[in-house]
Amino acid sequence: MKLTSHKVIRGTILCESGLHIGGSQEQMEIGGVDLPIIKHPISGAPYIPGSSLKGKMRSQLEKIHGKVSPNKNGDLTDPCRCGKEDCLICRVFGAHMNPNHKLGSTRIMVRDAKLSKETKDEYDKIVKEKGTSYLEKKTENIINRMTGTAEHPRSQERVPEGAKFDLEITIQLFDIDKEKEAKIIDLVKQGLKLVQDSYLGGFGSRGSGQVSFNDLKIDGTPTTL
């Protein structure tokens, strides 16, 4: 099997609502949030891990193509592991825990998405000049059905609506993909469309994580989902 070419998809991820992709909280702070988001360890700026976007793309594609595999308990929760020649999901994303497939390396590489220059300039201005956080803190409660009162409040960080991140996805193509190149690219684009129609990160059923993919180009040529 021989690597023959790369296709690079670039564009912008726009937060249509607040975005929460969870990070770790190494220490508790007075007045801090219960559920922080993932941030760069040095700059403190938020970013979207490539693994989060790639995993969501795969998950949504497997649902729509009926490719969710049963785990050892029989539950339909594991990624597809069939490794079949005609399974584009295994070809593009890899056959999950299947060392015997003959599809070769994973085709898709999703880079960590950093803040766009426009958003980063706004982020730096707010943090440095105003002394406040660019991120929003959203508080949620559980409603007691008997009394109608709010209980157990907890706060979460979110990247605010309107923030933009730089998207970059590389698709590597091999000689065995010659008849399937167009279908591979279309599958990746479909995955992005399905994320756009769903949500990214956590708390999507409660309004977080609505995103759109804009100004998309494949090797510099404009494209649409």
C-alpha atoms as a PDB file:
ATOM      1  CA  MET A   1       0.000   0.000   0.000  1.00  0.00           C
ATOM      2  CA  LYS A   2       1.398   3.388  -1.022  1.00  0.00           C
ATOM      3  CA  LEU A   3       0.449   6.900   0.083  1.00  0.00           C
ATOM      4  CA  THR A   4      -0.436   8.849  -3.052  1.00  0.00           C
ATOM      5  CA  SER A   5      -1.824  12.241  -1.976  1.00  0.00           C
ATOM      6  CA  HIS A   6      -3.251  14.469   0.739  1.00  0.00           C
ATOM      7  CA  LYS A   7      -6.398  16.577   0.710  1.00  0.00           C
ATOM      8  CA  VAL A   8      -6.637  19.398   3.252  1.00  0.00           C
ATOM      9  CA  ILE A   9      -9.947  20.885   4.377  1.00  0.00           C
ATOM     10  CA  ARG A  10      -9.709  24.291   6.044  1.00  0.00           C
ATOM     11  CA  GLY A  11     -12.389  26.608   7.301  1.00  0.00           C
ATOM     12  CA  THR A  12     -13.914  28.244  10.361  1.00  0.00           C
ATOM     13  CA  ILE A  13     -15.862  26.725  13.233  1.00  0.00           C
ATOM     14  CA  LEU A  14     -18.398  29.271  14.474  1.00  0.00           C
ATOM     15  CA  CYS A  15     -20.021  28.855  17.884  1.00  0.00           C
ATOM     16  CA  GLU A  16     -23.722  29.440  17.290  1.00  0.00           C
ATOM     17  CA  SER A  17     -24.298  28.913  21.021  1.00  0.00           C
ATOM     18  CA  GLY A  18     -22.055  28.550  24.063  1.00  0.00           C
ATOM     19  CA  LEU A  19     -19.598  25.644  23.704  1.00  0.00           C
ATOM     20  CA  HIS A  20     -18.500  23.361  26.547  1.00  0.00           C
ATOM     21  CA  ILE A  21     -15.767  20.783  26.008  1.00  0.00           C
ATOM     22  CA  GLY A  22     -14.713  19.670  29.463  1.00  0.00           C
ATOM     23  CA  GLY A  23     -11.235  20.000  30.880  1.00  0.00           C
ATOM     24  CA  SER A  24      -9.625  19.009  34.167  1.00  0.00           C
ATOM     25  CA  GLN A  25      -9.770  21.022  37.360  1.00  0.00           C
ATOM     26  CA  GLU A  26      -6.534  20.511  39.250  1.00  0.00           C
ATOM     27  CA  GLN A  27      -7.575  22.532  42.290  1.00  0.00           C
ATOM     28  CA  MET A  28     -10.745  23.981  43.716  1.00  0.00           C
ATOM     29  CA  GLU A  29     -11.004  27.762  43.854  1.00  0.00           C
ATOM     30  CA  ILE A  30     -13.388  29.947  45.806  1.00  0.00           C
ATOM     31  CA  GLY A  31     -15.828  31.352  43.286  1.00  0.00           C
ATOM     32  CA  GLY A  32     -14.537  28.982  40.600  1.00  0.00           C
ATOM     33  CA  VAL A  33     -16.650  26.922  38.252  1.00  0.00           C
ATOM     34  CA  ASP A  34     -17.662  23.333  38.877  1.00  0.00           C
ATOM     35  CA  LEU A  35     -17.187  22.288  35.251  1.00  0.00           C
ATOM     36  CA  PRO A  36     -14.300  24.086  33.508  1.00  0.00           C
ATOM     37  CA  ILE A  37     -13.584  23.790  29.793  1.00  0.00           C
ATOM     38  CA  ILE A  38     -10.336  22.579  28.245  1.00  0.00           C
ATOM     39  CA  LYS A  39      -7.727  25.310  27.786  1.00  0.00           C
ATOM     40  CA  HIS A  40      -4.157  25.696  26.574  1.00  0.00           C
ATOM     41  CA  PRO A  41      -1.941  25.080  29.635  1.00  0.00           C
ATOM     42  CA  ILE A  42       0.213  28.164  29.018  1.00  0.00           C
ATOM     43  CA  SER A  43      -1.979  30.810  27.381  1.00  0.00           C
ATOM     44  CA  GLY A  44      -5.210  29.739  29.059  1.00  0.00           C
ATOM     45  CA  ALA A  45      -7.045  30.157  25.750  1.00  0.00           C
ATOM     46  CA  PRO A  46      -9.782  27.643  24.916  1.00  0.00           C
ATOM     47  CA  TYR A  47      -9.442  25.281  21.965  1.00  0.00           C
ATOM     48  CA  ILE A  48     -11.360  22.408  20.391  1.00  0.00           C
ATOM     49  CA  PRO A  49      -9.456  19.095  20.615  1.00  0.00           C
ATOM     50  CA  GLY A  50      -9.264  17.297  17.296  1.00  0.00           C
ATOM     51  CA  SER A  51     -10.311  14.114  19.099  1.00  0.00           C
ATOM     52  CA  SER A  52     -13.602  15.729  20.174  1.00  0.00           C
ATOM     53  CA  LEU A  53     -14.564  16.742  16.651  1.00  0.00           C
ATOM     54  CA  LYS A  54     -13.342  13.491  15.082  1.00  0.00           C
ATOM     55  CA  GLY A  55     -15.184  11.370  17.638  1.00  0.00           C
ATOM     56  CA  LYS A  56     -18.422  13.268  17.149  1.00  0.00           C
ATOM     57  CA  MET A  57     -18.143  12.991  13.357  1.00  0.00           C
ATOM     58  CA  ARG A  58     -17.615   9.241  13.589  1.00  0.00           C
ATOM     59  CA  SER A  59     -20.408   8.747  16.101  1.00  0.00           C
ATOM     60  CA  GLN A  60     -22.953  10.613  13.977  1.00  0.00           C
ATOM     61  CA  LEU A  61     -21.864   8.856  10.780  1.00  0.00           C
ATOM     62  CA  GLU A  62     -22.165   5.438  12.410  1.00  0.00           C
ATOM     63  CA  LYS A  63     -25.689   6.252  13.544  1.00  0.00           C
ATOM     64  CA  ILE A  64     -26.900   7.373  10.141  1.00  0.00           C
ATOM     65  CA  HIS A  65     -25.184   4.491   8.312  1.00  0.00           C
ATOM     66  CA  GLY A  66     -26.274   1.853  10.839  1.00  0.00           C
ATOM     67  CA  LYS A  67     -22.690   0.981  11.729  1.00  0.00           C
ATOM     68  CA  VAL A  68     -22.747   1.006  15.542  1.00  0.00           C
ATOM     69  CA  SER A  69     -21.207  -2.229  16.845  1.00  0.00           C
ATOM     70  CA  PRO A  70     -22.234  -4.195  19.962  1.00  0.00           C
ATOM     71  CA  ASN A  71     -19.757  -4.334  22.824  1.00  0.00           C
ATOM     72  CA  LYS A  72     -19.017  -7.445  24.904  1.00  0.00           C
ATOM     73  CA  ASN A  73     -22.285  -6.937  26.800  1.00  0.00           C
ATOM     74  CA  GLY A  74     -24.294  -6.730  23.601  1.00  0.00           C
ATOM     75  CA  ASP A  75     -24.992  -3.008  23.934  1.00  0.00           C
ATOM     76  CA  LEU A  76     -24.777  -0.974  20.711  1.00  0.00           C
ATOM     77  CA  THR A  77     -22.183   1.460  21.999  1.00  0.00           C
ATOM     78  CA  ASP A  78     -18.841   0.597  20.390  1.00  0.00           C
ATOM     79  CA  PRO A  79     -17.442   2.127  17.183  1.00  0.00           C
ATOM     80  CA  CYS A  80     -17.629   0.028  14.032  1.00  0.00           C
ATOM     81  CA  ARG A  81     -14.959  -2.652  13.906  1.00  0.00           C
ATOM     82  CA  CYS A  82     -16.026  -4.641  10.850  1.00  0.00           C
ATOM     83  CA  GLY A  83     -12.973  -3.688   8.767  1.00  0.00           C
ATOM     84  CA  LYS A  84     -14.808  -4.637   5.571  1.00  0.00           C
ATOM     85  CA  GLU A  85     -13.590  -3.448   2.180  1.00  0.00           C
ATOM     86  CA  ASP A  86     -16.822  -1.569   1.501  1.00  0.00           C
ATOM     87  CA  CYS A  87     -17.059   0.086   4.950  1.00  0.00           C
ATOM     88  CA  LEU A  88     -16.052   3.700   4.395  1.00  0.00           C
ATOM     89  CA  ILE A  89     -16.272   4.489   8.106  1.00  0.00           C
ATOM     90  CA  CYS A  90     -13.642   1.862   8.993  1.00  0.00           C
ATOM     91  CA  ARG A  91     -11.556   2.974   6.014  1.00  0.00           C
ATOM     92  CA  VAL A  92     -11.631   6.653   6.992  1.00  0.00           C
ATOM     93  CA  PHE A  93     -11.637   6.466  10.798  1.00  0.00           C
ATOM     94  CA  GLY A  94     -10.060   3.065  11.409  1.00  0.00           C
ATOM     95  CA  ALA A  95     -11.552  -0.311  12.347  1.00  0.00           C
ATOM     96  CA  HIS A  96     -12.038  -0.099  16.116  1.00  0.00           C
ATOM     97  CA  MET A  97      -9.830  -2.629  17.951  1.00  0.00           C
ATOM     98  CA  ASN A  98      -9.611  -4.861  14.889  1.00  0.00           C
ATOM     99  CA  PRO A  99      -5.965  -5.777  14.204  1.00  0.00           C
ATOM    100  CA  ASN A 100      -6.859  -8.101  11.326  1.00  0.00           C
ATOM    101  CA  HIS A 101      -8.366  -5.617   8.860  1.00  0.00           C
ATOM    102  CA  LYS A 102      -6.641  -4.874   5.567  1.00  0.00           C
ATOM    103  CA  LEU A 103      -7.743  -1.266   5.079  1.00  0.00           C
ATOM    104  CA  GLY A 104      -4.433   0.274   6.147  1.00  0.00           C
ATOM    105  CA  SER A 105      -3.912   3.468   8.128  1.00  0.00           C
ATOM    106  CA  THR A 106      -6.611   5.848   9.296  1.00  0.00           C
ATOM    107  CA  ARG A 107      -7.320   8.310   6.491  1.00  0.00           C
ATOM    108  CA  ILE A 108      -8.461  11.330   8.507  1.00  0.00           C
ATOM    109  CA  MET A 109      -6.362  13.579  10.743  1.00  0.00           C
ATOM    110  CA  VAL A 110      -8.303  16.264  12.628  1.00  0.00           C
ATOM    111  CA  ARG A 111      -6.092  19.015  14.047  1.00  0.00           C
ATOM    112  CA  ASP A 112      -6.778  20.794  17.326  1.00  0.00           C
ATOM    113  CA  ALA A 113      -8.790  23.903  16.454  1.00  0.00           C
ATOM    114  CA  LYS A 114      -7.292  27.091  17.881  1.00  0.00           C
ATOM    115  CA  LEU A 115      -9.035  30.418  18.262  1.00  0.00           C
ATOM    116  CA  SER A 116      -9.127  32.382  15.022  1.00  0.00           C
ATOM    117  CA  LYS A 117      -7.032  35.550  14.936  1.00  0.00           C
ATOM    118  CA  GLU A 118     -10.189  37.663  15.106  1.00  0.00           C
ATOM    119  CA  THR A 119     -11.454  35.880  18.214  1.00  0.00           C
ATOM    120  CA  LYS A 120      -8.015  35.658  19.830  1.00  0.00           C
ATOM    121  CA  ASP A 121      -7.549  39.434  19.494  1.00  0.00           C
ATOM    122  CA  GLU A 122     -10.929  39.935  21.168  1.00  0.00           C
ATOM    123  CA  TYR A 123     -10.027  37.369  23.855  1.00  0.00           C
ATOM    124  CA  ASP A 124      -6.700  39.113  24.624  1.00  0.00           C
ATOM    125  CA  LYS A 125      -8.340  42.536  24.709  1.00  0.00           C
ATOM    126  CA  ILE A 126     -10.999  41.507  27.201  1.00  0.00           C
ATOM    127  CA  VAL A 127      -8.587  39.604  29.444  1.00  0.00           C
ATOM    128  CA  LYS A 128      -5.792  42.195  29.436  1.00  0.00           C
ATOM    129  CA  GLU A 129      -7.637  45.500  29.156  1.00  0.00           C
ATOM    130  CA  LYS A 130     -10.845  44.823  31.048  1.00  0.00           C
ATOM    131  CA  GLY A 131      -9.523  42.310  33.533  1.00  0.00           C
ATOM    132  CA  THR A 132     -12.485  40.000  33.047  1.00  0.00           C
ATOM    133  CA  SER A 133     -12.780  36.548  31.531  1.00  0.00           C
ATOM    134  CA  TYR A 134     -13.676  36.101  27.890  1.00  0.00           C
ATOM    135  CA  LEU A 135     -15.428  32.888  28.854  1.00  0.00           C
ATOM    136  CA  GLU A 136     -18.955  32.799  30.180  1.00  0.00           C
ATOM    137  CA  LYS A 137     -20.102  31.052  33.348  1.00  0.00           C
ATOM    138  CA  LYS A 138     -23.489  29.374  33.097  1.00  0.00           C
ATOM    139  CA  THR A 139     -25.280  28.114  36.201  1.00  0.00           C
ATOM    140  CA  GLU A 140     -27.767  25.249  36.071  1.00  0.00           C
ATOM    141  CA  ASN A 141     -30.094  23.837  38.715  1.00  0.00           C
ATOM    142  CA  ILE A 142     -32.250  20.808  39.350  1.00  0.00           C
ATOM    143  CA  ILE A 143     -35.928  21.657  39.844  1.00  0.00           C
ATOM    144  CA  ASN A 144     -37.684  19.962  42.755  1.00  0.00           C
ATOM    145  CA  ARG A 145     -40.919  18.644  41.209  1.00  0.00           C
ATOM    146  CA  MET A 146     -42.781  18.838  44.528  1.00  0.00           C
ATOM    147  CA  THR A 147     -41.880  22.388  45.523  1.00  0.00           C
ATOM    148  CA  GLY A 148     -40.951  23.947  42.182  1.00  0.00           C
ATOM    149  CA  THR A 149     -37.746  25.344  43.677  1.00  0.00           C
ATOM    150  CA  ALA A 150     -34.215  25.149  42.280  1.00  0.00           C
ATOM    151  CA  GLU A 151     -31.751  22.877  44.027  1.00  0.00           C
ATOM    152  CA  HIS A 152     -28.126  21.802  43.688  1.00  0.00           C
ATOM    153  CA  PRO A 153     -26.835  24.640  41.511  1.00  0.00           C
ATOM    154  CA  ARG A 154     -23.644  24.002  39.564  1.00  0.00           C
ATOM    155  CA  SER A 155     -21.716  26.247  37.214  1.00  0.00           C
ATOM    156  CA  GLN A 156     -20.052  25.458  33.926  1.00  0.00           C
ATOM    157  CA  GLU A 157     -17.683  27.376  31.674  1.00  0.00           C
ATOM    158  CA  ARG A 158     -18.557  27.922  28.038  1.00  0.00           C
ATOM    159  CA  VAL A 159     -16.887  29.544  25.075  1.00  0.00           C
ATOM    160  CA  PRO A 160     -19.384  32.299  24.225  1.00  0.00           C
ATOM    161  CA  GLU A 161     -21.620  32.442  21.194  1.00  0.00           C
ATOM    162  CA  GLY A 162     -19.861  34.088  18.243  1.00  0.00           C
ATOM    163  CA  ALA A 163     -16.378  32.718  18.975  1.00  0.00           C
ATOM    164  CA  LYS A 164     -14.519  31.290  15.975  1.00  0.00           C
ATOM    165  CA  PHE A 165     -11.931  28.541  15.683  1.00  0.00           C
ATOM    166  CA  ASP A 166      -9.684  27.551  12.782  1.00  0.00           C
ATOM    167  CA  LEU A 167     -10.613  24.182  11.277  1.00  0.00           C
ATOM    168  CA  GLU A 168      -8.053  21.933   9.581  1.00  0.00           C
ATOM    169  CA  ILE A 169      -8.615  18.330   8.519  1.00  0.00           C
ATOM    170  CA  THR A 170      -6.113  16.337   6.479  1.00  0.00           C
ATOM    171  CA  ILE A 171      -7.238  13.317   4.467  1.00  0.00           C
ATOM    172  CA  GLN A 172      -4.476  10.963   3.386  1.00  0.00           C
ATOM    173  CA  LEU A 173      -5.198   8.831   0.330  1.00  0.00           C
ATOM    174  CA  PHE A 174      -3.529   5.568  -0.674  1.00  0.00           C
ATOM    175  CA  ASP A 175      -3.315   3.683  -3.940  1.00  0.00           C
ATOM    176  CA  ILE A 176      -6.037   1.288  -2.739  1.00  0.00           C
ATOM    177  CA  ASP A 177      -8.388   4.291  -2.454  1.00  0.00           C
ATOM    178  CA  LYS A 178      -8.210   5.165  -6.147  1.00  0.00           C
ATOM    179  CA  GLU A 179     -11.836   4.215  -6.857  1.00  0.00           C
ATOM    180  CA  LYS A 180     -13.094   5.668  -3.578  1.00  0.00           C
ATOM    181  CA  GLU A 181     -11.411   9.092  -3.271  1.00  0.00           C
ATOM    182  CA  ALA A 182     -14.585  11.085  -3.988  1.00  0.00           C
ATOM    183  CA  LYS A 183     -16.629   8.930  -1.582  1.00  0.00           C
ATOM    184  CA  ILE A 184     -14.021   9.362   1.169  1.00  0.00           C
ATOM    185  CA  ILE A 185     -14.091  13.147   0.834  1.00  0.00           C
ATOM    186  CA  ASP A 186     -17.896  13.147   0.711  1.00  0.00           C
ATOM    187  CA  LEU A 187     -18.021  11.034   3.882  1.00  0.00           C
ATOM    188  CA  VAL A 188     -15.827  13.535   5.753  1.00  0.00           C
ATOM    189  CA  LYS A 189     -18.024  16.403   4.583  1.00  0.00           C
ATOM    190  CA  GLN A 190     -21.124  14.468   5.617  1.00  0.00           C
ATOM    191  CA  GLY A 191     -19.595  13.981   9.062  1.00  0.00           C
ATOM    192  CA  LEU A 192     -19.133  17.732   9.440  1.00  0.00           C
ATOM    193  CA  LYS A 193     -22.712  18.343   8.288  1.00  0.00           C
ATOM    194  CA  LEU A 194     -24.030  15.857  10.848  1.00  0.00           C
ATOM    195  CA  VAL A 195     -22.107  17.593  13.656  1.00  0.00           C
ATOM    196  CA  GLN A 196     -23.515  20.901  12.465  1.00  0.00           C
ATOM    197  CA  ASP A 197     -27.021  19.421  12.606  1.00  0.00           C
ATOM    198  CA  SER A 198     -26.363  18.023  16.102  1.00  0.00           C
ATOM    199  CA  TYR A 199     -23.937  19.556  18.599  1.00  0.00           C
ATOM    200  CA  LEU A 200     -20.313  19.462  19.693  1.00  0.00           C
ATOM    201  CA  GLY A 201     -19.081  18.932  23.243  1.00  0.00           C
ATOM    202  CA  GLY A 202     -21.300  18.530  26.280  1.00  0.00           C
ATOM    203  CA  PHE A 203     -24.815  19.608  27.315  1.00  0.00           C
ATOM    204  CA  GLY A 204     -26.103  19.697  23.739  1.00  0.00           C
ATOM    205  CA  SER A 205     -29.615  18.731  24.828  1.00  0.00           C
ATOM    206  CA  ARG A 206     -29.634  21.845  27.003  1.00  0.00           C
ATOM    207  CA  GLY A 207     -28.571  24.337  24.348  1.00  0.00           C
ATOM    208  CA  SER A 208     -24.775  24.131  24.311  1.00  0.00           C
ATOM    209  CA  GLY A 209     -22.549  23.127  21.431  1.00  0.00           C
ATOM    210  CA  GLN A 210     -24.380  24.365  18.337  1.00  0.00           C
ATOM    211  CA  VAL A 211     -21.682  25.048  15.745  1.00  0.00           C
ATOM    212  CA  SER A 212     -21.450  25.762  12.022  1.00  0.00           C
ATOM    213  CA  PHE A 213     -18.622  25.195   9.560  1.00  0.00           C
ATOM    214  CA  ASN A 214     -17.968  28.139   7.289  1.00  0.00           C
ATOM    215  CA  ASP A 215     -15.623  29.286   4.506  1.00  0.00           C
ATOM    216  CA  LEU A 216     -14.670  25.693   3.754  1.00  0.00           C
ATOM    217  CA  LYS A 217     -11.991  24.963   1.169  1.00  0.00           C
ATOM    218  CA  ILE A 218     -10.381  21.749  -0.041  1.00  0.00           C
ATOM    219  CA  ASP A 219      -6.797  22.449  -1.119  1.00  0.00           C
ATOM    220  CA  GLY A 220      -7.777  26.086  -1.555  1.00  0.00           C
ATOM    221  CA  THR A 221     -10.915  25.436  -3.619  1.00  0.00           C
ATOM    222  CA  PRO A 222     -14.214  26.541  -1.996  1.00  0.00           C
ATOM    223  CA  THR A 223     -16.616  23.764  -1.112  1.00  0.00           C
ATOM    224  CA  THR A 224     -19.902  23.331   0.745  1.00  0.00           C
ATOM    225  CA  LEU A 225     -21.352  20.648   3.002  1.00  0.00           C
END
